[in-house]
Amino acid sequence: MPKYAPGKIVLFSEGEYSDYGYCGHVVTLQECDFAALAEDYKKAFKAKDDWDRAEPSSFVAWLCARQYCAEINVNEVYLGAYGRLTVQ
């Protein structure tokens, strides 16, 4: 996995098929190796019970709390489907 330089905009996603979705939009504040940072996050996570786990959406908050990244607001513009441009 590449390292991301400061100032890069990153969109995080998770899930598969109908469960696929976005879980955060950030700008990097320092160089980030997300694979290595994810390992640090998992090691630091303290599970309270079997249902409590280091989830992807919590990872984004963890990154922001440690000032690796900052959340940004993003607007989606839908461009259409099946080859028809219908901006909404």
C-alpha atoms as a PDB file:
ATOM      1  CA  MET A   1       0.000   0.000   0.000  1.00  0.00           C
ATOM      2  CA  PRO A   2       1.390   3.449  -0.884  1.00  0.00           C
ATOM      3  CA  LYS A   3       2.228   6.176   1.578  1.00  0.00           C
ATOM      4  CA  TYR A   4       0.122   9.313   1.246  1.00  0.00           C
ATOM      5  CA  ALA A   5       1.848  12.693   1.399  1.00  0.00           C
ATOM      6  CA  PRO A   6       0.433  15.611   3.406  1.00  0.00           C
ATOM      7  CA  GLY A   7      -2.400  17.383   1.595  1.00  0.00           C
ATOM      8  CA  LYS A   8      -3.824  14.294  -0.148  1.00  0.00           C
ATOM      9  CA  ILE A   9      -7.593  13.852  -0.122  1.00  0.00           C
ATOM     10  CA  VAL A  10      -8.600  10.296   0.763  1.00  0.00           C
ATOM     11  CA  LEU A  11     -12.007   8.607   0.631  1.00  0.00           C
ATOM     12  CA  PHE A  12     -12.284   5.558   2.901  1.00  0.00           C
ATOM     13  CA  SER A  13     -14.729   2.771   2.046  1.00  0.00           C
ATOM     14  CA  GLU A  14     -15.709  -0.569   3.574  1.00  0.00           C
ATOM     15  CA  GLY A  15     -17.993  -3.562   2.985  1.00  0.00           C
ATOM     16  CA  GLU A  16     -18.956  -5.662  -0.002  1.00  0.00           C
ATOM     17  CA  TYR A  17     -21.831  -5.712  -2.477  1.00  0.00           C
ATOM     18  CA  SER A  18     -24.972  -4.136  -0.947  1.00  0.00           C
ATOM     19  CA  ASP A  19     -23.062  -3.484   2.311  1.00  0.00           C
ATOM     20  CA  TYR A  20     -20.411  -1.396   0.502  1.00  0.00           C
ATOM     21  CA  GLY A  21     -20.209   2.247   1.522  1.00  0.00           C
ATOM     22  CA  TYR A  22     -18.038   5.180   2.466  1.00  0.00           C
ATOM     23  CA  CYS A  23     -16.846   5.681   6.024  1.00  0.00           C
ATOM     24  CA  GLY A  24     -14.873   8.898   5.871  1.00  0.00           C
ATOM     25  CA  HIS A  25     -13.399  11.692   3.759  1.00  0.00           C
ATOM     26  CA  VAL A  26     -10.163  13.234   4.985  1.00  0.00           C
ATOM     27  CA  VAL A  27      -7.155  15.270   3.996  1.00  0.00           C
ATOM     28  CA  THR A  28      -3.793  13.987   5.221  1.00  0.00           C
ATOM     29  CA  LEU A  29      -1.922  16.297   7.593  1.00  0.00           C
ATOM     30  CA  GLN A  30       1.304  14.273   7.553  1.00  0.00           C
ATOM     31  CA  GLU A  31       2.690  11.339   5.600  1.00  0.00           C
ATOM     32  CA  CYS A  32       0.420   8.331   6.187  1.00  0.00           C
ATOM     33  CA  ASP A  33       1.045   4.633   5.686  1.00  0.00           C
ATOM     34  CA  PHE A  34      -2.534   3.480   6.318  1.00  0.00           C
ATOM     35  CA  ALA A  35      -1.656  -0.233   6.470  1.00  0.00           C
ATOM     36  CA  ALA A  36       0.915   0.379   9.240  1.00  0.00           C
ATOM     37  CA  LEU A  37      -1.397   2.810  11.036  1.00  0.00           C
ATOM     38  CA  ALA A  38      -4.216   0.240  10.924  1.00  0.00           C
ATOM     39  CA  GLU A  39      -1.951  -2.252  12.689  1.00  0.00           C
ATOM     40  CA  ASP A  40      -1.145   0.371  15.361  1.00  0.00           C
ATOM     41  CA  TYR A  41      -4.874   1.078  15.759  1.00  0.00           C
ATOM     42  CA  LYS A  42      -5.722  -2.616  16.183  1.00  0.00           C
ATOM     43  CA  LYS A  43      -2.977  -3.024  18.807  1.00  0.00           C
ATOM     44  CA  ALA A  44      -4.192   0.056  20.721  1.00  0.00           C
ATOM     45  CA  PHE A  45      -7.871  -0.913  20.597  1.00  0.00           C
ATOM     46  CA  LYS A  46      -9.182  -2.240  23.906  1.00  0.00           C
ATOM     47  CA  ALA A  47     -12.177  -4.549  23.331  1.00  0.00           C
ATOM     48  CA  LYS A  48     -14.812  -4.466  26.073  1.00  0.00           C
ATOM     49  CA  ASP A  49     -16.584  -7.669  24.956  1.00  0.00           C
ATOM     50  CA  ASP A  50     -16.887 -10.070  21.988  1.00  0.00           C
ATOM     51  CA  TRP A  51     -19.029  -7.591  20.005  1.00  0.00           C
ATOM     52  CA  ASP A  52     -16.604  -4.724  20.507  1.00  0.00           C
ATOM     53  CA  ARG A  53     -13.945  -4.604  17.780  1.00  0.00           C
ATOM     54  CA  ALA A  54     -11.671  -2.255  15.868  1.00  0.00           C
ATOM     55  CA  GLU A  55     -14.067  -1.229  13.082  1.00  0.00           C
ATOM     56  CA  PRO A  56     -13.142   0.634   9.893  1.00  0.00           C
ATOM     57  CA  SER A  57     -15.280   3.709  10.645  1.00  0.00           C
ATOM     58  CA  SER A  58     -13.664   4.061  14.086  1.00  0.00           C
ATOM     59  CA  PHE A  59     -10.233   3.905  12.435  1.00  0.00           C
ATOM     60  CA  VAL A  60     -10.978   7.139  10.561  1.00  0.00           C
ATOM     61  CA  ALA A  61     -11.893   8.896  13.833  1.00  0.00           C
ATOM     62  CA  TRP A  62      -8.710   7.484  15.431  1.00  0.00           C
ATOM     63  CA  LEU A  63      -6.603   8.927  12.593  1.00  0.00           C
ATOM     64  CA  CYS A  64      -8.222  12.348  13.006  1.00  0.00           C
ATOM     65  CA  ALA A  65      -7.876  12.314  16.806  1.00  0.00           C
ATOM     66  CA  ARG A  66      -4.134  11.705  16.417  1.00  0.00           C
ATOM     67  CA  GLN A  67      -3.850  14.427  13.770  1.00  0.00           C
ATOM     68  CA  TYR A  68      -2.740  12.182  10.924  1.00  0.00           C
ATOM     69  CA  CYS A  69      -5.772  13.446   8.985  1.00  0.00           C
ATOM     70  CA  ALA A  70      -8.557  16.011   9.202  1.00  0.00           C
ATOM     71  CA  GLU A  71     -12.162  15.367   8.210  1.00  0.00           C
ATOM     72  CA  ILE A  72     -13.451  17.299   5.214  1.00  0.00           C
ATOM     73  CA  ASN A  73     -16.954  17.891   3.919  1.00  0.00           C
ATOM     74  CA  VAL A  74     -17.664  16.396   0.510  1.00  0.00           C
ATOM     75  CA  ASN A  75     -20.650  16.869  -1.767  1.00  0.00           C
ATOM     76  CA  GLU A  76     -21.769  14.184  -4.185  1.00  0.00           C
ATOM     77  CA  VAL A  77     -23.031  15.121  -7.642  1.00  0.00           C
ATOM     78  CA  TYR A  78     -24.921  12.285  -9.346  1.00  0.00           C
ATOM     79  CA  LEU A  79     -24.160  12.181 -13.070  1.00  0.00           C
ATOM     80  CA  GLY A  80     -26.677   9.584 -14.235  1.00  0.00           C
ATOM     81  CA  ALA A  81     -26.754   5.927 -15.211  1.00  0.00           C
ATOM     82  CA  TYR A  82     -26.638   3.634 -18.226  1.00  0.00           C
ATOM     83  CA  GLY A  83     -24.652   6.123 -20.308  1.00  0.00           C
ATOM     84  CA  ARG A  84     -27.119   9.020 -19.906  1.00  0.00           C
ATOM     85  CA  LEU A  85     -25.817  12.244 -18.402  1.00  0.00           C
ATOM     86  CA  THR A  86     -28.518  13.530 -16.073  1.00  0.00           C
ATOM     87  CA  VAL A  87     -26.915  15.758 -13.451  1.00  0.00           C
ATOM     88  CA  GLN A  88     -28.904  15.840 -10.216  1.00  0.00           C
END
